[in-house]
Amino acid sequence: MLHNIWFMLIAFLWIGYFVLEGFDFGLGILLPFLGRNDAERRALINAIGPVWDGNEVWVLVAGGATFAAFPNWYATLFSGFYLALFLILVALILRGVAFEYHSKRDSARWRQGWDWAIFIGSAVPALLWGVAFANIVAGVPIDKDMNFTGDLLTLLNPFGLLGGVVTLTLFMTHGAAYIALKTEGVLRERANKLLVWIGLVAAVAAVAFLGWTQAKNMVADSAAVSVLAALSLVGALLANRLRHEGWAFIGTAFTIGLAVVALFMNLYPNVMPSSTNSAFNLTIDNASSTDYTLTIMTVVAVIFTPLVLLYQGWSYWIFRKRISAGRVPDVAS
């Protein structure tokens, strides 16, 4: 019973991470293209300045929860996907350093270099998270001792790369929706126009990926969730055309959340299928911790999760105002 609950809780943590970190990944990818001058690019960075580091906490909690609730899953995943996860970690470090050092010198060349560092630090995780999750759902070579027997090139297969394209384009769409919601003036107008075109590319990629996933796993309930995800994206694009930017952002958030739900539904009751032999699959039964461990974790989660959600919601409320390039102070001052 408890391992089922923790499987759902880990899915919830990944939903929170992809929805919240997804829009600031998207903003980082769009930063060098939507911001036409230094003031505009700094306004975009300020739009996520108070929240981006809080959004990253979700992935730390998801990793920690996986380690404690499903140690065998954690061991196989983090050892087998070591290089991919290492690249993600390096990109996240680069991105964090770029945010902190961006305005430390009054030099346009200095800030432009960090702008591209933010782009790289956002694009690499946005792509590789999709590659990783696509491979987890499709199955990877695992032997009878729960050891991953492939390498980095094993993950770079057509299905995995399509999953990476889906997360990359969905996060860009989500980021454009956030920029349209959070900024004023020309940045808002550019984001609204760009959202439609990126959203169409994301819709085509997502439909292809979810259809391919469904063909592989044939889980009827996840097909319904996939359809809802597609409809949410369509609704976001329609809301954007009607200039209902809040609803457009909610629509892209629901699209990402429902896509993660569909992936976890296709995964269950496995946590990491083996493409070598289905008898070697890691499941919620053979990969989980003891009931005693899961009981303690559940008590801690019940106490602290609402507090974290309240604090993060409060921080978003405090920094809810729109930002414009015209109100960005001069660096030298």
Protein backbone atom coordinates (compact mmCIF):
# COMPACT_ATOMS: atom_id res chain seq x y z
CA MET A 1 0.00 0.00 0.00
CA LEU A 2 2.66 2.54 1.06
CA HIS A 3 4.88 1.85 -1.95
CA ASN A 4 1.91 2.73 -4.19
CA ILE A 5 1.45 5.99 -2.31
CA TRP A 6 5.13 6.88 -2.66
CA PHE A 7 5.11 6.05 -6.34
CA MET A 8 2.31 8.62 -6.71
CA LEU A 9 4.11 11.13 -4.47
CA ILE A 10 7.27 10.88 -6.55
CA ALA A 11 5.17 11.43 -9.67
CA PHE A 12 3.70 14.53 -7.95
CA LEU A 13 7.20 15.84 -7.18
CA TRP A 14 8.24 15.46 -10.82
CA ILE A 15 5.06 17.24 -11.92
CA GLY A 16 5.90 20.11 -9.57
CA TYR A 17 9.47 20.25 -10.85
CA PHE A 18 8.60 20.19 -14.55
CA VAL A 19 5.76 22.70 -14.19
CA LEU A 20 7.72 25.19 -12.07
CA GLU A 21 11.24 24.70 -13.40
CA GLY A 22 9.80 24.24 -16.89
CA PHE A 23 8.84 27.88 -17.32
CA ASP A 24 12.19 29.22 -16.13
CA PHE A 25 13.99 26.71 -18.36
CA GLY A 26 11.83 28.03 -21.20
CA LEU A 27 12.58 31.62 -20.31
CA GLY A 28 16.31 30.87 -20.20
CA ILE A 29 16.18 29.26 -23.65
CA LEU A 30 14.28 32.22 -25.10
CA LEU A 31 16.40 34.84 -23.32
CA PRO A 32 18.89 35.63 -26.14
CA PHE A 33 16.11 35.76 -28.74
CA LEU A 34 13.26 37.61 -27.02
CA GLY A 35 15.51 40.16 -25.35
CA ARG A 36 16.77 42.48 -28.09
CA ASN A 37 18.89 44.67 -25.82
CA ASP A 38 20.55 44.51 -22.43
CA ALA A 39 17.66 46.08 -20.52
CA GLU A 40 15.14 43.63 -21.99
CA ARG A 41 17.31 40.62 -21.21
CA ARG A 42 17.81 41.81 -17.65
CA ALA A 43 14.05 42.33 -17.29
CA LEU A 44 13.52 38.70 -18.36
CA ILE A 45 16.06 37.48 -15.81
CA ASN A 46 14.36 39.59 -13.12
CA ALA A 47 11.05 37.89 -13.99
CA ILE A 48 12.34 34.60 -12.56
CA GLY A 49 14.97 36.05 -10.21
CA PRO A 50 13.00 35.52 -6.97
CA VAL A 51 11.74 32.01 -7.80
CA TRP A 52 14.15 30.02 -9.98
CA ASP A 53 16.26 28.62 -7.12
CA GLY A 54 13.13 27.60 -5.19
CA ASN A 55 11.88 25.76 -8.26
CA GLU A 56 15.05 23.65 -8.31
CA VAL A 57 14.32 22.33 -4.82
CA TRP A 58 11.65 20.06 -6.31
CA VAL A 59 14.20 17.93 -8.16
CA LEU A 60 16.30 17.57 -5.00
CA VAL A 61 13.27 16.38 -3.07
CA ALA A 62 12.28 14.02 -5.91
CA GLY A 63 15.78 12.51 -5.93
CA GLY A 64 15.85 12.22 -2.14
CA ALA A 65 12.39 10.64 -2.03
CA THR A 66 13.42 8.11 -4.70
CA PHE A 67 16.57 7.25 -2.72
CA ALA A 68 14.60 6.68 0.50
CA ALA A 69 11.44 5.04 -0.89
CA PHE A 70 12.89 3.03 -3.80
CA PRO A 71 16.65 2.56 -3.17
CA ASN A 72 17.07 -0.08 -5.88
CA TRP A 73 15.43 2.22 -8.43
CA TYR A 74 17.69 5.07 -7.32
CA ALA A 75 20.84 2.92 -7.52
CA THR A 76 20.09 1.60 -11.02
CA LEU A 77 18.89 4.95 -12.35
CA PHE A 78 21.70 7.13 -11.04
CA SER A 79 24.46 4.67 -11.91
CA GLY A 80 23.09 3.82 -15.35
CA PHE A 81 22.20 7.39 -16.32
CA TYR A 82 25.31 8.79 -14.68
CA LEU A 83 26.72 10.69 -17.67
CA ALA A 84 23.36 12.17 -18.67
CA LEU A 85 22.63 13.26 -15.09
CA PHE A 86 26.18 14.62 -14.75
CA LEU A 87 25.63 16.80 -17.86
CA ILE A 88 22.34 18.04 -16.35
CA LEU A 89 24.12 18.85 -13.08
CA VAL A 90 26.92 20.76 -14.84
CA ALA A 91 24.32 22.71 -16.85
CA LEU A 92 22.37 23.60 -13.69
CA ILE A 93 25.55 24.76 -11.96
CA LEU A 94 26.47 26.89 -14.99
CA ARG A 95 22.97 28.37 -15.00
CA GLY A 96 23.05 29.21 -11.30
CA VAL A 97 26.47 30.85 -11.58
CA ALA A 98 25.27 32.82 -14.61
CA PHE A 99 22.30 34.24 -12.70
CA GLU A 100 24.52 35.31 -9.81
CA TYR A 101 27.36 36.82 -11.85
CA HIS A 102 25.34 38.31 -14.71
CA SER A 103 25.39 41.91 -13.46
CA LYS A 104 28.56 41.87 -11.39
CA ARG A 105 30.41 43.99 -13.98
CA ASP A 106 29.24 47.00 -15.98
CA SER A 107 30.20 45.40 -19.30
CA ALA A 108 27.84 44.52 -22.16
CA ARG A 109 30.20 41.78 -23.35
CA TRP A 110 30.35 40.29 -19.84
CA ARG A 111 26.55 40.17 -19.55
CA GLN A 112 26.14 38.80 -23.09
CA GLY A 113 28.45 35.89 -22.24
CA TRP A 114 26.37 35.04 -19.18
CA ASP A 115 23.16 35.36 -21.24
CA TRP A 116 24.40 32.50 -23.45
CA ALA A 117 25.48 30.56 -20.35
CA ILE A 118 21.88 30.82 -19.11
CA PHE A 119 20.70 29.59 -22.52
CA ILE A 120 22.99 26.54 -22.43
CA GLY A 121 22.24 25.86 -18.76
CA SER A 122 18.51 25.85 -19.54
CA ALA A 123 18.47 24.04 -22.90
CA VAL A 124 20.64 21.07 -21.89
CA PRO A 125 18.47 19.97 -18.91
CA ALA A 126 15.26 20.69 -20.86
CA LEU A 127 16.41 18.26 -23.56
CA LEU A 128 18.07 15.60 -21.39
CA TRP A 129 15.23 15.27 -18.87
CA GLY A 130 12.97 14.27 -21.74
CA VAL A 131 15.56 11.80 -23.07
CA ALA A 132 15.93 10.26 -19.60
CA PHE A 133 12.21 9.85 -18.89
CA ALA A 134 11.46 8.52 -22.37
CA ASN A 135 14.07 5.80 -21.84
CA ILE A 136 12.78 4.98 -18.37
CA VAL A 137 9.28 4.40 -19.76
CA ALA A 138 10.45 2.49 -22.86
CA GLY A 139 12.86 0.30 -20.92
CA VAL A 140 16.65 0.10 -20.80
CA PRO A 141 19.07 -2.86 -20.61
CA ILE A 142 19.07 -4.11 -17.00
CA ASP A 143 20.46 -7.49 -15.92
CA LYS A 144 19.26 -9.86 -13.21
CA ASP A 145 21.34 -8.02 -10.59
CA MET A 146 19.51 -4.75 -11.32
CA ASN A 147 22.57 -3.28 -13.08
CA PHE A 148 22.27 -1.03 -16.14
CA THR A 149 24.31 -2.62 -18.94
CA GLY A 150 24.12 0.13 -21.57
CA ASP A 151 25.92 3.47 -22.01
CA LEU A 152 25.11 7.07 -22.93
CA LEU A 153 24.62 6.17 -26.60
CA THR A 154 22.00 3.61 -25.54
CA LEU A 155 19.85 6.50 -24.32
CA LEU A 156 20.24 8.51 -27.54
CA ASN A 157 17.76 6.40 -29.51
CA PRO A 158 14.94 7.83 -31.67
CA PHE A 159 12.29 7.41 -28.97
CA GLY A 160 14.49 9.03 -26.32
CA LEU A 161 15.46 11.93 -28.58
CA LEU A 162 11.81 12.55 -29.46
CA GLY A 163 11.07 12.70 -25.74
CA GLY A 164 13.81 15.30 -25.42
CA VAL A 165 12.31 17.38 -28.23
CA VAL A 166 8.93 17.23 -26.48
CA THR A 167 10.23 18.52 -23.14
CA LEU A 168 12.39 21.15 -24.87
CA THR A 169 9.50 22.58 -26.91
CA LEU A 170 6.93 22.26 -24.11
CA PHE A 171 9.20 24.14 -21.72
CA MET A 172 9.77 26.83 -24.34
CA THR A 173 5.99 27.16 -24.79
CA HIS A 174 5.50 27.28 -21.02
CA GLY A 175 8.27 29.87 -20.74
CA ALA A 176 6.72 32.05 -23.43
CA ALA A 177 3.38 31.88 -21.58
CA TYR A 178 5.10 32.92 -18.36
CA ILE A 179 6.89 35.84 -20.07
CA ALA A 180 3.58 37.02 -21.57
CA LEU A 181 1.98 36.83 -18.13
CA LYS A 182 4.86 38.45 -16.24
CA THR A 183 6.10 41.27 -18.48
CA GLU A 184 4.80 44.45 -20.11
CA GLY A 185 5.33 46.22 -23.41
CA VAL A 186 7.31 44.75 -26.28
CA LEU A 187 8.45 41.68 -24.32
CA ARG A 188 4.84 40.77 -23.66
CA GLU A 189 3.92 41.21 -27.33
CA ARG A 190 6.85 39.16 -28.61
CA ALA A 191 6.15 36.36 -26.13
CA ASN A 192 2.49 36.19 -27.16
CA LYS A 193 3.42 35.91 -30.83
CA LEU A 194 6.17 33.35 -30.24
CA LEU A 195 4.02 31.16 -28.00
CA VAL A 196 1.71 30.18 -30.84
CA TRP A 197 4.49 29.02 -33.16
CA ILE A 198 6.44 27.14 -30.50
CA GLY A 199 3.19 25.68 -29.18
CA LEU A 200 2.31 24.24 -32.58
CA VAL A 201 5.72 22.53 -32.82
CA ALA A 202 5.32 21.23 -29.25
CA ALA A 203 1.82 19.93 -30.04
CA VAL A 204 3.02 17.93 -33.05
CA ALA A 205 5.99 16.49 -31.13
CA ALA A 206 3.88 15.69 -28.04
CA VAL A 207 1.14 13.94 -30.02
CA ALA A 208 3.75 11.84 -31.86
CA PHE A 209 5.55 10.94 -28.63
CA LEU A 210 2.45 10.12 -26.58
CA GLY A 211 1.04 8.08 -29.48
CA TRP A 212 4.31 6.15 -29.75
CA THR A 213 4.32 5.62 -25.97
CA GLN A 214 0.76 4.36 -26.10
CA ALA A 215 1.64 1.94 -28.90
CA LYS A 216 4.50 0.57 -26.81
CA ASN A 217 2.57 0.13 -23.58
CA MET A 218 -1.12 -0.06 -24.51
CA VAL A 219 -2.40 1.42 -21.23
CA ALA A 220 -5.98 2.54 -21.86
CA ASP A 221 -6.23 5.01 -18.96
CA SER A 222 -3.03 6.79 -19.96
CA ALA A 223 -4.43 7.29 -23.46
CA ALA A 224 -7.27 9.35 -21.98
CA VAL A 225 -4.79 11.40 -19.96
CA SER A 226 -2.68 11.95 -23.10
CA VAL A 227 -5.74 13.27 -24.92
CA LEU A 228 -6.44 15.64 -22.02
CA ALA A 229 -2.83 16.86 -22.18
CA ALA A 230 -3.21 17.57 -25.90
CA LEU A 231 -6.50 19.40 -25.29
CA SER A 232 -4.87 21.47 -22.53
CA LEU A 233 -2.19 22.61 -24.96
CA VAL A 234 -4.81 23.50 -27.57
CA GLY A 235 -6.72 25.41 -24.91
CA ALA A 236 -3.55 27.29 -23.95
CA LEU A 237 -2.99 28.34 -27.56
CA LEU A 238 -6.61 29.49 -27.90
CA ALA A 239 -6.42 31.42 -24.63
CA ASN A 240 -3.25 33.09 -25.86
CA ARG A 241 -4.94 34.20 -29.08
CA LEU A 242 -7.75 35.72 -26.97
CA ARG A 243 -5.12 37.46 -24.80
CA HIS A 244 -6.14 35.55 -21.68
CA GLU A 245 -2.53 35.13 -20.60
CA GLY A 246 -3.26 33.67 -17.18
CA TRP A 247 -5.37 30.90 -18.71
CA ALA A 248 -2.70 30.29 -21.34
CA PHE A 249 -0.12 29.75 -18.59
CA ILE A 250 -2.48 27.46 -16.68
CA GLY A 251 -3.07 25.51 -19.90
CA THR A 252 0.63 24.91 -20.54
CA ALA A 253 1.09 23.95 -16.87
CA PHE A 254 -1.74 21.39 -17.14
CA THR A 255 -0.24 20.06 -20.38
CA ILE A 256 3.10 19.37 -18.72
CA GLY A 257 1.48 17.94 -15.58
CA LEU A 258 -0.83 15.61 -17.49
CA ALA A 259 2.04 14.46 -19.74
CA VAL A 260 4.00 13.42 -16.63
CA VAL A 261 0.92 11.63 -15.27
CA ALA A 262 0.57 9.74 -18.56
CA LEU A 263 4.23 8.66 -18.42
CA PHE A 264 3.96 7.40 -14.84
CA MET A 265 0.72 5.57 -15.67
CA ASN A 266 2.51 3.82 -18.54
CA LEU A 267 5.35 2.96 -16.15
CA TYR A 268 3.25 1.48 -13.30
CA PRO A 269 3.71 -1.05 -11.66
CA ASN A 270 7.28 -0.88 -12.89
CA VAL A 271 9.65 1.85 -11.86
CA MET A 272 12.30 0.93 -14.42
CA PRO A 273 11.50 -1.73 -17.05
CA SER A 274 14.27 -3.94 -18.46
CA SER A 275 14.58 -4.21 -22.22
CA THR A 276 16.81 -7.27 -21.72
CA ASN A 277 14.18 -9.43 -20.05
CA SER A 278 10.88 -8.45 -18.44
CA ALA A 279 11.78 -10.75 -15.52
CA PHE A 280 14.49 -8.22 -14.63
CA ASN A 281 12.07 -5.28 -14.37
CA LEU A 282 12.39 -3.05 -11.32
CA THR A 283 8.91 -2.74 -9.81
CA ILE A 284 7.36 -0.91 -6.90
CA ASP A 285 7.63 -4.20 -4.97
CA ASN A 286 11.23 -5.32 -5.57
CA ALA A 287 12.71 -1.80 -5.60
CA SER A 288 11.04 -0.33 -2.50
CA SER A 289 12.20 0.20 1.06
CA THR A 290 10.70 -1.52 4.10
CA ASP A 291 7.23 -0.60 5.37
CA TYR A 292 8.81 0.93 8.48
CA THR A 293 10.91 3.34 6.38
CA LEU A 294 7.94 4.25 4.20
CA THR A 295 5.78 4.87 7.28
CA ILE A 296 8.28 7.33 8.76
CA MET A 297 8.64 9.06 5.38
CA THR A 298 4.86 9.38 5.10
CA VAL A 299 4.57 11.06 8.51
CA VAL A 300 7.35 13.53 7.63
CA ALA A 301 5.77 14.27 4.22
CA VAL A 302 2.32 14.90 5.74
CA ILE A 303 3.81 17.46 8.16
CA PHE A 304 6.25 19.34 5.95
CA THR A 305 4.83 19.20 2.41
CA PRO A 306 1.94 21.62 3.12
CA LEU A 307 4.38 24.05 4.77
CA VAL A 308 6.67 24.03 1.73
CA LEU A 309 3.72 24.52 -0.63
CA LEU A 310 2.40 27.43 1.44
CA TYR A 311 5.79 29.13 1.55
CA GLN A 312 6.39 28.76 -2.17
CA GLY A 313 2.87 29.95 -2.97
CA TRP A 314 3.42 32.97 -0.73
CA SER A 315 6.69 33.85 -2.53
CA TYR A 316 4.91 33.76 -5.91
CA TRP A 317 2.17 36.00 -4.54
CA ILE A 318 4.67 38.56 -3.19
CA PHE A 319 6.48 38.78 -6.56
CA ARG A 320 3.36 38.70 -8.73
CA LYS A 321 3.69 42.15 -10.37
CA ARG A 322 4.57 42.56 -14.04
CA ILE A 323 8.05 43.69 -15.08
CA SER A 324 9.04 45.99 -17.94
CA ALA A 325 12.44 46.80 -19.45
CA GLY A 326 11.82 50.48 -18.84
CA ARG A 327 11.85 49.97 -15.07
CA VAL A 328 15.13 48.01 -14.97
CA PRO A 329 17.74 50.15 -13.16
CA ASP A 330 21.07 50.95 -14.77
CA VAL A 331 23.80 48.49 -13.75
CA ALA A 332 26.33 51.21 -12.94
CA SER A 333 23.91 52.86 -10.48
